[in-house]
C-alpha cells in the first residue's frame, strides 16, 4: 500500500506518517514508478505499527480524568495514575533531566544543599543559591563588586563571595 492508504489505515495524516518514517518507527520499501520513487508499506508492518501505537495510547491517562484525580485523595490518585514505582521513576527521570540541563554537562548538582557545598559556582549556580538574578551577579562581577575568577571561558565565584555581595546589596552598599 502507498502512503495515503497506510495513513488512512492508521488514522493519521500523511505528514505524520512521514515523520514516523523519518524516525524509523515504521518500516517501508521504496519502489520505482514512472513519476519517481514511492514508499510502499506491507499490511503486516502497518498492523504492527498500529498495535504498538494503540498500546501506547491506552497507557496514557486521558486529560479529562486529571481534574477528577486532583479532587481525590493523593493515594487514590496515585493508584489510578499508575504504580508508585513508576511515579518515582518519573521523578528520577525529571531530576536527571534537570541535572543534565543545569550546565550542559550533566555534572551540576540540583539541590541547594549540594550547591552550598561546592567550592566554586557558575553564575547560574550562584543565582540558584542566592536567589539573586544571574544578570545582577554578572553585573556585579563586571563592576568589580563581586569577586570571581575567569576559568576557561566561564567565571567562577565562591559561595562566600556571593554571600558578601548579597549582604552588601541588601545594606545598600555598592
Foldseek 3Di string as FASTA:
>chain_A
DFLVVLCVVLVHDSVVVVVCVVVVVFDWDWDQDPVGITTDHDPVRSVVSSVVVVVVVVLQDDPVCPVVLVPDDVVVSCVVNHDPVVVVVVVVVVLQVCQCVQPVNSNDHDDLVVLLPDQKDFLSSLCVNPVDDSVVVVVCVVVVNQDWDDDDPTIIHGNVSSVVSVVCVVVVHD
